Amino acid sequence: MGLFKKNPFGHNLFLKKWLIRIMGLITHSRYKQFNKLAIEGSDIIRDLPDTNVLFVSNHQTYFADVVAMFHVFNAALSGRDDNIKNVFYLWNPKLNIYYVAAKETMKKSVLTKLLAYAGSISIERTWRSEGKDVQRQVKMSDITNIGTALDDGWVITFPQGTTTPWKPLRKGTAHIIKRYKPIVVPVVIDGFRRSFDKKGLYIKKKGILQSMQIKEPLNIDYDNETVEQIIEKLEYAIEQHPSFLRVIPEEQIAAYEADHQKRRYSYKGE
């Protein structure tokens, strides 16, 4: 790889590789030492093609979720079976992994700008801005950028668009699936909300068992399934369909809601 080679978004790949290496070394202990990460489905990662793969996941923190996925995906590609032992799997990371994030979030600090350079596809949210509910049209350039990223590699998206559990999925994800016809891989995470702060930058509690389950790609009829049918399929796949609420103890639901209510006043922009 040449020193000046760039990806389709103009990011220098040599610089991006070192950024992922350094940030990977810094964050590795969050999932291996201070807290543990139980992984399931590494073999699925190894069987995927190099491009046009869309990972859809529930969302618990701004950054800790996606950083964990960078670790897990690269560890799996380096032959680790459901573990992230020996961080040297990041010596040659997969450089065409991208993730969808809110543009306003990725511009807030030097750290978030570095995280953006590592792989963010920054989009303007159509439903929320600067902590307020809004209604605005989807920017076609945002959709095009996601398509460009899929054409170049893998894309991680959190279709609920919020870290609050059980919220409806945004239909934009289904439109992207119908338009670009990617392989859709569901990911279900847990434990990140308890171990990290809302932003996912600071460890809130140690000794938490975090989990990540990578499921088999979904069988989707891109041409004949409706947006609503795809959304429902995604909701079941990432275990955020309303029916899942009926199998969760009421006290656990109350705890989720109380925790979110408490944290929403602790962070500007919620």
Protein backbone atom coordinates (compact mmCIF):
# COMPACT_ATOMS: atom_id res chain seq x y z
CA MET A 1 0.00 0.00 0.00
CA GLY A 2 1.45 3.33 -1.08
CA LEU A 3 1.93 6.20 1.31
CA PHE A 4 -0.48 8.38 -0.63
CA LYS A 5 -3.23 5.92 -1.55
CA LYS A 6 -6.70 7.13 -0.55
CA ASN A 7 -10.16 5.63 -0.18
CA PRO A 8 -13.20 6.99 -2.11
CA PHE A 9 -13.74 9.63 0.61
CA GLY A 10 -10.24 11.05 0.25
CA HIS A 11 -8.84 9.56 3.46
CA ASN A 12 -5.19 8.58 3.35
CA LEU A 13 -5.09 4.81 3.97
CA PHE A 14 -1.60 4.81 5.50
CA LEU A 15 -2.71 7.41 8.06
CA LYS A 16 -5.99 5.58 8.63
CA LYS A 17 -4.16 2.30 9.27
CA TRP A 18 -1.98 3.86 11.96
CA LEU A 19 -4.96 5.63 13.48
CA ILE A 20 -6.82 2.31 13.81
CA ARG A 21 -3.71 0.61 15.23
CA ILE A 22 -3.18 3.28 17.89
CA MET A 23 -6.82 3.63 18.87
CA GLY A 24 -7.17 -0.15 18.89
CA LEU A 25 -4.28 -0.47 21.35
CA ILE A 26 -5.78 2.21 23.57
CA THR A 27 -9.28 0.69 23.62
CA HIS A 28 -8.47 -3.03 23.71
CA SER A 29 -8.47 -3.27 27.50
CA ARG A 30 -12.04 -1.94 27.63
CA TYR A 31 -13.26 -5.22 26.19
CA LYS A 32 -10.59 -7.61 27.44
CA GLN A 33 -9.40 -6.41 30.86
CA PHE A 34 -11.69 -3.92 32.64
CA ASN A 35 -14.73 -5.66 31.17
CA LYS A 36 -15.16 -8.90 29.23
CA LEU A 37 -16.63 -9.30 25.77
CA ALA A 38 -18.45 -12.53 24.89
CA ILE A 39 -18.51 -13.01 21.11
CA GLU A 40 -20.56 -15.32 18.94
CA GLY A 41 -20.39 -15.66 15.16
CA SER A 42 -16.76 -15.00 14.15
CA ASP A 43 -17.03 -17.66 11.46
CA ILE A 44 -19.80 -15.66 9.78
CA ILE A 45 -17.45 -12.67 9.45
CA ARG A 46 -14.83 -14.77 7.68
CA ASP A 47 -17.34 -16.04 5.12
CA LEU A 48 -18.44 -12.58 3.96
CA PRO A 49 -17.32 -10.95 0.70
CA ASP A 50 -14.99 -7.98 0.82
CA THR A 51 -17.61 -5.44 -0.27
CA ASN A 52 -21.35 -4.64 -0.21
CA VAL A 53 -22.03 -5.91 3.32
CA LEU A 54 -24.34 -3.97 5.65
CA PHE A 55 -24.23 -4.71 9.37
CA VAL A 56 -27.36 -3.65 11.26
CA SER A 57 -27.27 -3.48 15.04
CA ASN A 58 -29.04 -2.21 18.11
CA HIS A 59 -27.30 0.77 19.70
CA GLN A 60 -26.23 1.40 23.32
CA THR A 61 -23.49 4.06 23.27
CA TYR A 62 -22.24 6.57 20.71
CA PHE A 63 -18.81 5.05 20.14
CA ALA A 64 -18.06 1.97 22.31
CA ASP A 65 -20.36 -0.25 20.22
CA VAL A 66 -18.73 0.49 16.89
CA VAL A 67 -15.18 0.39 18.31
CA ALA A 68 -15.93 -3.08 19.67
CA MET A 69 -17.09 -4.13 16.20
CA PHE A 70 -13.82 -2.93 14.67
CA HIS A 71 -12.01 -5.16 17.18
CA VAL A 72 -14.27 -8.19 16.68
CA PHE A 73 -14.38 -8.00 12.88
CA ASN A 74 -10.61 -7.64 12.51
CA ALA A 75 -9.93 -10.35 15.08
CA ALA A 76 -12.26 -12.72 13.20
CA LEU A 77 -10.58 -11.94 9.88
CA SER A 78 -7.22 -12.74 11.50
CA GLY A 79 -8.43 -16.21 12.51
CA ARG A 80 -9.60 -15.62 16.10
CA ASP A 81 -12.61 -17.71 17.04
CA ASP A 82 -15.00 -15.61 19.13
CA ASN A 83 -12.25 -13.75 20.97
CA ILE A 84 -10.05 -10.66 20.67
CA LYS A 85 -6.93 -12.10 22.27
CA ASN A 86 -3.63 -10.61 21.16
CA VAL A 87 -4.31 -7.16 19.76
CA PHE A 88 -1.79 -7.69 16.95
CA TYR A 89 -4.74 -8.58 14.73
CA LEU A 90 -4.88 -4.81 14.22
CA TRP A 91 -1.45 -4.69 12.59
CA ASN A 92 -3.15 -5.16 9.22
CA PRO A 93 -6.71 -4.00 9.83
CA LYS A 94 -9.47 -4.09 7.26
CA LEU A 95 -9.43 -0.49 6.05
CA ASN A 96 -12.75 -0.51 4.21
CA ILE A 97 -15.01 -0.77 7.27
CA TYR A 98 -17.31 2.22 7.63
CA TYR A 99 -20.02 3.21 10.08
CA VAL A 100 -22.96 5.59 9.80
CA ALA A 101 -22.96 8.44 12.36
CA ALA A 102 -24.62 11.82 12.88
CA LYS A 103 -22.57 14.63 11.33
CA GLU A 104 -23.12 16.96 14.30
CA THR A 105 -21.75 14.33 16.69
CA MET A 106 -18.61 13.71 14.64
CA LYS A 107 -17.68 17.41 14.56
CA LYS A 108 -17.82 18.11 18.30
CA SER A 109 -14.17 17.57 19.27
CA VAL A 110 -10.74 16.56 18.07
CA LEU A 111 -11.39 13.02 19.34
CA THR A 112 -14.64 12.64 17.41
CA LYS A 113 -12.94 13.99 14.29
CA LEU A 114 -10.27 11.31 14.65
CA LEU A 115 -12.98 8.68 15.10
CA ALA A 116 -14.65 10.03 11.96
CA TYR A 117 -11.42 9.69 9.98
CA ALA A 118 -11.21 6.05 11.06
CA GLY A 119 -14.35 5.27 9.08
CA SER A 120 -17.40 7.46 9.67
CA ILE A 121 -20.00 8.14 7.00
CA SER A 122 -21.34 11.31 8.57
CA ILE A 123 -24.96 12.08 7.71
CA GLU A 124 -27.45 14.76 8.68
CA ARG A 125 -30.23 13.27 10.79
CA THR A 126 -33.69 14.05 9.45
CA TRP A 127 -35.43 13.72 12.81
CA ARG A 128 -33.14 15.39 15.35
CA SER A 129 -30.61 18.22 15.44
CA GLU A 130 -28.79 19.95 18.29
CA GLY A 131 -30.92 18.14 20.85
CA LYS A 132 -34.24 19.13 19.27
CA ASP A 133 -36.79 17.23 17.19
CA VAL A 134 -36.81 18.35 13.56
CA GLN A 135 -38.35 17.32 10.26
CA ARG A 136 -36.25 17.71 7.15
CA GLN A 137 -35.65 16.00 3.85
CA VAL A 138 -33.08 13.27 3.45
CA LYS A 139 -29.93 14.55 1.73
CA MET A 140 -29.36 12.44 -1.37
CA SER A 141 -25.62 12.99 -0.99
CA ASP A 142 -25.81 11.09 2.33
CA ILE A 143 -27.52 8.14 0.62
CA THR A 144 -24.95 8.26 -2.18
CA ASN A 145 -22.08 8.23 0.33
CA ILE A 146 -23.48 5.11 1.99
CA GLY A 147 -23.72 3.49 -1.45
CA THR A 148 -20.11 4.49 -2.16
CA ALA A 149 -19.01 2.92 1.13
CA LEU A 150 -20.91 -0.31 0.35
CA ASP A 151 -19.27 -0.43 -3.07
CA ASP A 152 -15.88 -0.08 -1.36
CA GLY A 153 -16.39 -2.34 1.66
CA TRP A 154 -18.50 -2.96 4.77
CA VAL A 155 -20.88 -0.53 6.46
CA ILE A 156 -22.14 -0.63 10.06
CA THR A 157 -25.42 1.11 10.79
CA PHE A 158 -27.66 1.51 13.82
CA PRO A 159 -31.13 1.84 12.25
CA GLN A 160 -32.87 3.03 15.42
CA GLY A 161 -30.80 6.21 15.28
CA THR A 162 -30.75 6.39 19.08
CA THR A 163 -29.23 4.60 22.05
CA THR A 164 -32.67 4.30 23.67
CA PRO A 165 -33.87 0.66 23.42
CA TRP A 166 -37.12 -0.44 21.76
CA LYS A 167 -37.42 2.62 19.55
CA PRO A 168 -38.78 2.08 16.00
CA LEU A 169 -36.29 1.59 13.20
CA ARG A 170 -35.81 4.35 10.64
CA LYS A 171 -37.15 3.47 7.20
CA GLY A 172 -34.08 4.92 5.53
CA THR A 173 -32.18 1.71 6.26
CA ALA A 174 -34.77 -0.34 4.37
CA HIS A 175 -34.61 2.05 1.41
CA ILE A 176 -30.82 1.66 1.33
CA ILE A 177 -31.19 -2.13 1.39
CA LYS A 178 -33.68 -2.10 -1.50
CA ARG A 179 -31.55 0.31 -3.52
CA TYR A 180 -28.06 -1.20 -3.08
CA LYS A 181 -29.00 -4.84 -2.34
CA PRO A 182 -26.20 -5.52 0.19
CA ILE A 183 -25.72 -8.66 2.22
CA VAL A 184 -27.42 -7.74 5.50
CA VAL A 185 -25.82 -9.11 8.68
CA PRO A 186 -27.64 -8.53 12.01
CA VAL A 187 -25.59 -7.85 15.15
CA VAL A 188 -27.04 -7.90 18.67
CA ILE A 189 -25.06 -6.26 21.48
CA ASP A 190 -25.61 -6.01 25.21
CA GLY A 191 -23.78 -4.79 28.31
CA PHE A 192 -22.30 -1.64 26.76
CA ARG A 193 -24.93 0.59 28.35
CA ARG A 194 -23.97 -0.70 31.79
CA SER A 195 -20.20 -0.56 31.34
CA PHE A 196 -19.78 2.77 29.51
CA ASP A 197 -21.12 6.30 29.72
CA LYS A 198 -23.62 7.31 27.04
CA LYS A 199 -20.94 8.55 24.67
CA GLY A 200 -18.95 5.33 25.10
CA LEU A 201 -15.76 7.22 25.88
CA TYR A 202 -15.45 6.53 29.60
CA ILE A 203 -15.77 3.33 31.61
CA LYS A 204 -18.69 3.70 33.97
CA LYS A 205 -18.45 0.33 35.69
CA LYS A 206 -15.91 -2.49 35.65
CA GLY A 207 -16.49 -6.23 35.68
CA ILE A 208 -19.43 -6.11 33.25
CA LEU A 209 -19.97 -8.92 30.76
CA GLN A 210 -20.53 -7.36 27.36
CA SER A 211 -21.80 -9.48 24.50
CA MET A 212 -21.87 -9.38 20.72
CA GLN A 213 -23.79 -11.88 18.63
CA ILE A 214 -23.23 -11.85 14.88
CA LYS A 215 -26.10 -13.61 13.13
CA GLU A 216 -26.41 -15.27 9.73
CA PRO A 217 -27.15 -12.89 6.83
CA LEU A 218 -30.84 -12.20 6.30
CA ASN A 219 -32.75 -13.65 3.40
CA ILE A 220 -34.27 -10.58 1.73
CA ASP A 221 -36.25 -10.33 -1.48
CA TYR A 222 -34.94 -6.92 -2.50
CA ASP A 223 -37.43 -6.40 -5.32
CA ASN A 224 -40.65 -7.74 -3.83
CA GLU A 225 -40.47 -7.13 -0.08
CA THR A 226 -41.85 -3.77 1.03
CA VAL A 227 -40.01 -1.27 3.19
CA GLU A 228 -42.32 -2.18 6.07
CA GLN A 229 -41.60 -5.90 5.68
CA ILE A 230 -37.85 -5.30 5.67
CA ILE A 231 -38.10 -3.06 8.75
CA GLU A 232 -40.03 -5.74 10.62
CA LYS A 233 -37.46 -8.35 9.61
CA LEU A 234 -34.66 -6.11 10.91
CA GLU A 235 -36.50 -5.47 14.18
CA TYR A 236 -36.74 -9.18 14.86
CA ALA A 237 -33.15 -9.79 13.77
CA ILE A 238 -31.61 -7.22 16.13
CA GLU A 239 -34.13 -8.11 18.85
CA GLN A 240 -35.79 -4.71 18.99
CA HIS A 241 -39.25 -5.71 17.81
CA PRO A 242 -42.02 -4.67 20.28
CA SER A 243 -42.84 -8.34 20.87
CA PHE A 244 -39.52 -8.73 22.69
CA LEU A 245 -40.81 -6.42 25.41
CA ARG A 246 -43.28 -9.09 26.45
CA VAL A 247 -40.52 -11.52 27.36
CA ILE A 248 -38.46 -9.06 29.40
CA PRO A 249 -39.23 -8.64 33.11
CA GLU A 250 -41.06 -5.41 33.86
CA GLU A 251 -38.45 -4.37 36.42
CA GLN A 252 -35.73 -4.60 33.75
CA ILE A 253 -37.71 -2.42 31.37
CA ALA A 254 -38.25 0.11 34.18
CA ALA A 255 -34.53 0.08 34.91
CA TYR A 256 -33.72 0.79 31.23
CA GLU A 257 -36.16 3.70 31.16
CA ALA A 258 -35.00 5.14 34.49
CA ASP A 259 -31.36 4.93 33.44
CA HIS A 260 -32.06 6.68 30.15
CA GLN A 261 -34.15 9.38 31.83
CA LYS A 262 -31.32 10.06 34.27
CA ARG A 263 -28.66 10.23 31.57
CA ARG A 264 -30.61 12.38 29.15
CA TYR A 265 -30.12 15.38 31.45
CA SER A 266 -26.43 14.65 31.90
CA TYR A 267 -25.34 15.11 28.28
CA LYS A 268 -25.84 18.16 26.14
CA GLY A 269 -27.53 17.42 22.87
CA GLU A 270 -29.70 14.46 23.96
